Protein backbone atom coordinates (compact mmCIF):
# COMPACT_ATOMS: atom_id res chain seq x y z
CA MET A 1 -14.48 -129.34 188.73
CA LYS A 2 -10.52 -127.96 188.51
CA LYS A 3 -11.06 -128.63 184.55
CA PHE A 4 -14.22 -126.85 183.76
CA LEU A 5 -13.04 -124.21 186.21
CA PHE A 6 -10.21 -123.98 184.22
CA LEU A 7 -11.53 -123.48 180.78
CA SER A 8 -14.27 -121.36 181.93
CA LEU A 9 -11.31 -118.63 182.58
CA ALA A 10 -9.65 -119.13 179.81
CA SER A 11 -12.28 -118.62 177.58
CA ILE A 12 -13.58 -115.14 179.32
CA LEU A 13 -9.93 -113.92 179.00
CA LEU A 14 -9.52 -115.05 175.24
CA PHE A 15 -13.36 -112.88 174.95
CA SER A 16 -11.71 -110.53 176.72
CA CYS A 17 -8.79 -109.87 174.33
CA SER A 18 -10.74 -109.97 171.10
CA SER A 19 -11.97 -106.62 171.36
CA SER A 20 -13.65 -104.51 168.28
CA ASP A 21 -11.11 -101.45 169.19
CA PRO A 22 -7.81 -101.50 167.02
CA ASN A 23 -5.71 -99.76 169.92
CA VAL A 24 -6.09 -102.94 171.34
CA ASP A 25 -2.95 -105.15 170.84
CA ILE A 26 -4.85 -108.67 170.61
CA ASN A 27 -1.16 -111.01 170.97
CA GLY A 28 0.35 -108.95 173.50
CA ASP A 29 3.01 -107.84 170.73
CA ALA A 30 4.51 -104.46 171.26
CA ALA A 31 5.36 -104.06 168.00
CA THR A 32 1.54 -103.88 166.88
CA LEU A 33 1.52 -99.90 165.57
CA LYS A 34 -0.89 -97.85 167.93
CA VAL A 35 -1.61 -94.37 168.17
CA GLN A 36 -3.74 -91.91 170.70
CA THR A 37 -5.71 -89.23 170.62
CA TYR A 38 -3.88 -86.98 173.42
CA SER A 39 -5.80 -83.65 173.21
CA VAL A 40 -8.32 -81.34 171.36
CA LEU A 41 -7.60 -77.94 172.25
CA ASN A 42 -8.27 -74.54 170.44
CA VAL A 43 -11.38 -74.70 169.98
CA THR A 44 -13.21 -72.30 168.61
CA PHE A 45 -16.85 -72.19 166.67
CA THR A 46 -15.90 -73.15 163.25
CA SER A 47 -12.59 -74.93 164.49
CA ALA A 48 -10.28 -77.14 166.72
CA ASN A 49 -6.90 -78.82 166.81
CA CYS A 50 -6.13 -82.28 168.14
CA ILE A 51 -2.82 -83.59 169.02
CA GLY A 52 -2.28 -87.28 168.30
CA VAL A 53 0.80 -89.84 169.42
CA ILE A 54 2.28 -92.99 167.84
CA THR A 55 2.58 -94.68 171.21
CA SER A 56 4.28 -97.85 168.97
CA TYR A 57 5.24 -97.84 165.46
CA GLY A 58 4.62 -101.51 164.50
CA SER A 59 7.03 -103.78 162.58
CA SER A 60 6.61 -101.38 159.39
CA ALA A 61 6.78 -98.18 158.15
CA VAL A 62 4.23 -95.38 158.85
CA THR A 63 2.78 -93.91 155.43
CA ALA A 64 0.44 -91.44 157.54
CA VAL A 65 -0.81 -90.13 160.33
CA GLY A 66 -4.04 -87.29 160.28
CA VAL A 67 -6.83 -86.76 162.79
CA CYS A 68 -10.54 -87.55 161.60
CA TRP A 69 -13.95 -86.16 163.24
CA SER A 70 -17.64 -86.47 162.68
CA THR A 71 -21.10 -85.70 164.82
CA PHE A 72 -21.19 -89.64 164.69
CA GLN A 73 -18.84 -91.26 166.85
CA ASN A 74 -15.78 -93.26 166.05
CA PRO A 75 -15.17 -91.14 163.26
CA THR A 76 -13.11 -92.92 160.20
CA ILE A 77 -11.30 -91.24 157.20
CA SER A 78 -13.90 -92.40 155.54
CA GLY A 79 -15.60 -89.67 156.48
CA ALA A 80 -13.50 -86.06 157.37
CA HIS A 81 -10.47 -86.08 158.36
CA THR A 82 -7.34 -84.04 157.79
CA ALA A 83 -3.67 -85.62 157.28
CA GLY A 84 -1.02 -84.75 159.54
CA THR A 85 3.05 -84.46 159.91
CA LEU A 86 5.15 -86.05 162.35
CA GLY A 87 6.31 -83.00 164.65
CA ALA A 88 9.61 -82.58 165.90
CA ASP A 89 9.26 -84.41 169.15
CA ALA A 90 9.09 -88.34 167.66
CA GLY A 91 5.73 -89.71 167.30
CA THR A 92 3.62 -86.42 167.60
CA PHE A 93 1.65 -84.58 165.41
CA THR A 94 -0.69 -81.94 165.57
CA VAL A 95 -3.78 -81.00 162.58
CA PRO A 96 -5.82 -78.80 162.18
CA MET A 97 -10.31 -79.70 162.42
CA THR A 98 -11.97 -77.28 160.21
CA PRO A 99 -14.63 -76.38 158.74
CA LEU A 100 -17.39 -76.69 161.81
CA LEU A 101 -20.42 -76.13 163.17
CA ALA A 102 -20.70 -73.39 165.80
CA ASN A 103 -22.41 -74.94 168.78
CA THR A 104 -21.95 -78.57 168.07
CA THR A 105 -20.71 -81.39 169.57
CA TYR A 106 -18.30 -83.51 167.19
CA TYR A 107 -15.97 -86.62 168.00
CA ALA A 108 -12.31 -86.79 167.00
CA ARG A 109 -9.65 -89.99 166.48
CA ALA A 110 -6.34 -89.81 165.45
CA TYR A 111 -4.93 -92.17 162.83
CA ALA A 112 -1.89 -93.50 161.54
CA THR A 113 -1.61 -95.82 158.75
CA ASN A 114 1.64 -98.76 157.94
CA ALA A 115 1.50 -101.44 155.93
CA GLU A 116 -1.10 -103.38 157.31
CA GLY A 117 -3.76 -101.20 157.81
CA THR A 118 -5.28 -97.78 159.46
CA VAL A 119 -5.74 -97.28 163.37
CA TYR A 120 -7.17 -95.18 165.34
CA GLY A 121 -7.21 -94.06 168.87
CA ALA A 122 -9.71 -93.55 171.35
CA GLN A 123 -12.57 -91.03 170.97
CA ILE A 124 -12.39 -87.29 172.53
CA ALA A 125 -15.79 -85.36 172.25
CA PHE A 126 -15.67 -81.65 172.04
CA THR A 127 -18.31 -79.00 171.59
CA THR A 128 -17.38 -76.51 168.96
CA LEU A 129 -18.01 -72.48 170.54
CA GLY A 130 -21.84 -70.62 170.38
CA MET A 131 -21.36 -66.96 168.61
CA LEU A 132 -21.71 -64.18 171.10
CA ALA A 133 -23.10 -62.24 167.70
CA THR A 134 -24.55 -61.71 164.23
CA ASN A 135 -23.49 -59.79 161.44
CA GLY A 136 -24.65 -56.70 160.60
CA ASN A 137 -25.26 -54.23 157.39
CA GLY A 138 -21.85 -53.01 157.45
CA VAL A 139 -20.96 -49.39 156.35
CA THR A 140 -18.86 -47.65 153.73
CA ASP A 141 -16.82 -43.99 154.74
CA ILE A 142 -16.56 -41.39 153.09
CA ASP A 143 -13.66 -42.77 151.12
CA GLY A 144 -15.89 -46.08 149.70
CA GLU A 145 -13.70 -47.56 151.58
CA THR A 146 -16.06 -50.84 152.86
CA TYR A 147 -16.52 -51.97 156.34
CA PRO A 148 -18.18 -55.47 157.50
CA SER A 149 -19.70 -54.88 160.52
CA VAL A 150 -20.60 -57.17 164.15
CA VAL A 151 -23.63 -56.54 166.54
CA ILE A 152 -22.82 -57.65 169.74
CA ASN A 153 -25.05 -57.34 172.79
CA GLY A 154 -27.29 -54.92 170.42
CA LYS A 155 -24.17 -52.89 169.57
CA GLU A 156 -22.77 -53.34 165.91
CA TRP A 157 -19.16 -52.87 165.49
CA MET A 158 -17.01 -52.65 162.91
CA LYS A 159 -14.99 -55.96 162.41
CA LYS A 160 -12.47 -54.31 160.11
CA ASN A 161 -9.98 -51.24 161.69
CA LEU A 162 -10.87 -47.37 159.99
CA ASP A 163 -8.88 -46.74 157.28
CA VAL A 164 -10.30 -43.55 156.21
CA SER A 165 -8.04 -40.31 154.58
CA LYS A 166 -11.36 -37.94 155.32
CA TYR A 167 -13.75 -36.55 157.85
CA LYS A 168 -17.39 -37.11 157.60
CA ASN A 169 -17.97 -33.86 155.71
CA GLY A 170 -15.24 -34.38 153.12
CA ASP A 171 -12.03 -32.53 154.34
CA VAL A 172 -9.14 -34.11 154.04
CA ILE A 173 -7.08 -35.93 157.57
CA PRO A 174 -3.07 -35.06 157.37
CA GLN A 175 -0.99 -37.68 156.84
CA VAL A 176 2.43 -36.61 158.62
CA THR A 177 4.80 -38.81 158.68
CA ASP A 178 7.71 -36.93 160.20
CA VAL A 179 8.49 -37.53 164.17
CA THR A 180 9.12 -33.97 165.17
CA GLN A 181 5.81 -32.13 163.01
CA TRP A 182 3.88 -35.80 164.72
CA ASP A 183 4.96 -34.75 168.04
CA ALA A 184 3.45 -31.07 167.77
CA LEU A 185 0.39 -31.56 167.21
CA THR A 186 -2.61 -30.71 168.27
CA THR A 187 -4.58 -31.28 165.52
CA GLY A 188 -5.80 -35.05 163.49
CA ALA A 189 -3.59 -36.70 161.83
CA TRP A 190 -2.54 -39.73 160.40
CA CYS A 191 0.38 -42.50 159.36
CA TYR A 192 0.14 -45.90 158.52
CA TYR A 193 2.52 -48.84 160.63
CA GLU A 194 6.01 -47.40 160.54
CA ASN A 195 4.89 -45.25 157.38
CA ASP A 196 4.60 -48.27 155.17
CA THR A 197 1.50 -48.38 152.94
CA ALA A 198 1.04 -52.36 152.86
CA ASN A 199 0.27 -52.02 156.23
CA GLY A 200 -3.19 -50.12 155.19
CA PRO A 201 -5.30 -52.69 153.49
CA ILE A 202 -4.62 -55.08 156.62
CA TYR A 203 -4.30 -52.73 159.50
CA GLY A 204 -5.77 -49.66 158.77
CA LYS A 205 -4.70 -46.17 159.52
CA LEU A 206 -3.32 -44.85 162.96
CA TYR A 207 -4.82 -41.86 164.82
CA ASN A 208 -3.89 -39.32 167.12
CA TRP A 209 -6.98 -38.89 169.48
CA TYR A 210 -7.11 -35.09 168.32
CA ALA A 211 -9.27 -36.75 164.82
CA ILE A 212 -11.10 -38.54 167.28
CA ASN A 213 -12.08 -35.42 168.54
CA ASP A 214 -12.51 -33.81 165.73
CA PRO A 215 -16.16 -31.94 165.49
CA ARG A 216 -16.22 -32.81 161.42
CA GLY A 217 -16.20 -36.54 162.61
CA LEU A 218 -14.11 -39.12 162.06
CA ALA A 219 -16.87 -41.65 161.86
CA PRO A 220 -18.74 -42.88 159.11
CA THR A 221 -22.54 -41.19 159.91
CA GLY A 222 -24.53 -42.57 161.45
CA TRP A 223 -21.79 -44.27 163.46
CA HIS A 224 -18.88 -42.59 166.38
CA ILE A 225 -15.95 -43.97 168.49
CA PRO A 226 -17.06 -45.94 170.86
CA SER A 227 -16.65 -44.00 174.24
CA ASP A 228 -14.90 -45.47 177.27
CA THR A 229 -18.65 -46.93 178.74
CA GLU A 230 -19.61 -48.45 175.69
CA TRP A 231 -15.90 -50.19 175.86
CA THR A 232 -16.78 -51.59 179.05
CA ALA A 233 -20.25 -52.62 178.39
CA LEU A 234 -18.56 -54.80 175.38
CA THR A 235 -15.65 -56.41 177.58
CA THR A 236 -18.06 -57.00 180.15
CA PHE A 237 -21.06 -58.75 178.38
CA LEU A 238 -18.44 -61.44 176.73
CA GLY A 239 -17.08 -62.09 180.76
CA GLY A 240 -14.70 -59.40 181.53
CA GLU A 241 -11.44 -57.90 180.86
CA ASN A 242 -9.61 -61.14 181.94
CA VAL A 243 -10.96 -63.04 179.51
CA ALA A 244 -12.81 -60.96 176.66
CA GLY A 245 -9.28 -60.24 174.77
CA GLY A 246 -9.50 -63.78 172.94
CA LYS A 247 -13.04 -63.39 172.28
CA LEU A 248 -12.19 -60.64 170.75
CA LYS A 249 -9.35 -61.53 168.68
CA ASP A 250 -9.11 -62.25 164.86
CA ASP A 251 -7.31 -65.51 163.87
CA ALA A 252 -3.98 -65.96 165.56
CA THR A 253 -2.58 -68.46 162.31
CA THR A 254 -3.43 -66.18 160.22
CA TYR A 255 -2.07 -61.98 161.97
CA TRP A 256 -1.29 -62.03 165.37
CA THR A 257 2.18 -63.71 166.73
CA ALA A 258 1.91 -67.48 166.21
CA SER A 259 2.17 -68.05 170.46
CA ALA A 260 -1.35 -66.41 170.95
CA ASN A 261 -2.71 -69.95 169.49
CA THR A 262 -4.09 -70.61 172.30
CA TYR A 263 -5.62 -67.24 173.38
CA THR A 264 -7.95 -66.28 170.54
CA SER A 265 -11.86 -67.49 169.25
CA ASN A 266 -13.09 -64.56 167.92
CA GLN A 267 -16.06 -66.17 169.29
CA SER A 268 -17.46 -62.31 169.11
CA GLY A 269 -16.88 -62.07 165.49
CA PHE A 270 -15.11 -58.51 166.52
CA THR A 271 -12.09 -59.70 164.64
CA ALA A 272 -9.11 -57.52 166.22
CA LEU A 273 -5.91 -57.46 164.47
CA PRO A 274 -2.80 -55.92 166.26
CA GLY A 275 -1.99 -53.10 164.27
CA GLY A 276 0.50 -51.98 167.19
CA ASP A 277 0.89 -48.15 167.81
CA GLY A 278 3.24 -45.09 167.30
CA TYR A 279 4.81 -42.82 169.35
CA LEU A 280 2.52 -44.59 172.50
CA ASN A 281 5.53 -43.74 174.48
CA PHE A 282 8.25 -42.05 172.31
CA HIS A 283 10.37 -39.33 173.17
CA TYR A 284 12.78 -38.60 170.92
CA VAL A 285 15.97 -36.54 172.09
CA ALA A 286 17.76 -33.32 171.28
CA THR A 287 19.78 -34.82 168.39
CA ASN A 288 16.64 -36.96 167.00
CA THR A 289 18.47 -40.11 167.33
CA TYR A 290 15.64 -42.97 166.96
CA THR A 291 14.90 -45.42 164.19
CA LEU A 292 11.26 -46.54 162.77
CA ALA A 293 11.89 -49.02 165.92
CA ASP A 294 11.44 -46.11 168.38
CA LEU A 295 8.60 -44.84 166.94
CA PHE A 296 6.25 -47.93 166.11
CA LYS A 297 5.83 -50.44 168.33
CA ASP A 298 4.04 -54.23 168.33
CA LYS A 299 2.53 -54.79 164.95
CA THR A 300 1.34 -58.69 165.20
CA LYS A 301 1.24 -58.49 168.92
CA VAL A 302 -0.68 -55.70 170.54
CA ALA A 303 -4.27 -54.29 168.96
CA TYR A 304 -4.83 -51.02 170.80
CA PHE A 305 -7.95 -49.05 170.05
CA TRP A 306 -9.20 -45.60 170.99
CA SER A 307 -11.75 -44.09 172.91
CA ALA A 308 -13.83 -41.41 172.76
CA THR A 309 -13.19 -40.14 176.76
CA ALA A 310 -10.21 -38.60 177.64
CA ASN A 311 -9.27 -36.14 180.26
CA VAL A 312 -6.57 -33.01 179.38
CA ASP A 313 -3.67 -35.02 178.89
CA LEU A 314 -4.66 -38.49 178.35
CA ALA A 315 -7.66 -40.38 176.40
CA TRP A 316 -9.00 -43.95 177.46
CA THR A 317 -7.61 -46.76 175.47
CA ARG A 318 -8.39 -50.60 175.09
CA SER A 319 -5.74 -53.08 174.28
CA ILE A 320 -5.40 -56.52 173.26
CA ASN A 321 -1.89 -58.70 173.34
CA TYR A 322 -0.93 -62.41 172.00
CA LEU A 323 0.31 -62.89 175.78
CA ASN A 324 -2.80 -63.77 177.33
CA ASP A 325 -6.85 -63.06 177.22
CA ASN A 326 -7.02 -59.40 178.27
CA VAL A 327 -8.36 -56.12 177.72
CA VAL A 328 -6.04 -53.49 178.78
CA ARG A 329 -7.75 -50.19 179.81
CA SER A 330 -5.37 -47.58 179.95
CA GLY A 331 -4.50 -43.94 179.14
CA ALA A 332 -2.14 -42.67 176.55
CA LEU A 333 -1.29 -39.02 175.23
CA LYS A 334 -3.60 -38.00 172.60
CA LYS A 335 -0.73 -37.69 170.69
CA SER A 336 0.00 -41.35 170.43
CA ALA A 337 -1.17 -42.92 167.25
CA LEU A 338 -3.56 -45.86 167.33
CA SER A 339 -5.86 -48.10 165.60
CA VAL A 340 -10.08 -47.08 165.90
CA ARG A 341 -13.13 -49.62 165.39
CA CYS A 342 -16.52 -47.55 165.06
CA VAL A 343 -19.93 -48.38 166.58
CA LYS A 344 -23.51 -48.23 164.90
CA ASN A 345 -25.14 -44.85 166.80
């Protein structure tokens, strides 16, 4: 009887070790190649990142690492996959998964390959974000510049910063590059960030608030500069000022400072760009000892947008920075140079 019991236990142990999971070391050999699907992060509506970790290198050199994914369970490299590179932390690699479909559940597995074959980590399920907006019809300004648009909570917003050089009636808005002249203005003007034309195609123009308020109209026909109330309605719909920033930012890996990656999804489609500011807090001294770095700040770090709402000295603005998900409502001097987004009437 004891002999029969011993054989039965041995059979159970042998069966339980014969797992189809490629991460199971059936020989108890620490030299077997093993990989872990560590985490999935930075999930947007079209992309996500996956971290893999090699936990045992095996007896031969690793020739490839990466991540595979699918809407079906247990994906393999015969389907969608992206190769990775081992990072500074030995055995760790981070791989982007793109393109993905919005509001869809995926399964991801890290993999590693050596001379003996490819092994996979356990799968992690994740669901991409659902879009909170639909594409609009866009608009063209008086200069012929076109702007794609997005409809968020019933309001159609530009997806690019304004880059117009004329008012709606055709009158030219002066470009001002001299700080003393800019500081004395009480009429509309614009500049490029650091007065560099190369910044225009990406970040648009920076305007003072007097251009916002000019009765000739800065926005294209049928559009207007959003009021403070309209900005508040937008951020409220996106979950409030503490979380809306990440849903408004453009792809962090393209234009935003790299450390913004954790905090961006562009789930709204608004595609906020960090155009920085000019003259926002600048007070030059009598000797005019200043540099461009004193006049302009925060490109790639902060997106500043005017509202059409002001009091005697200040106008309300919204800012989104690379450090967190916040949208900050604050007042700025009307002579400041900030970006502009327009909303359809």
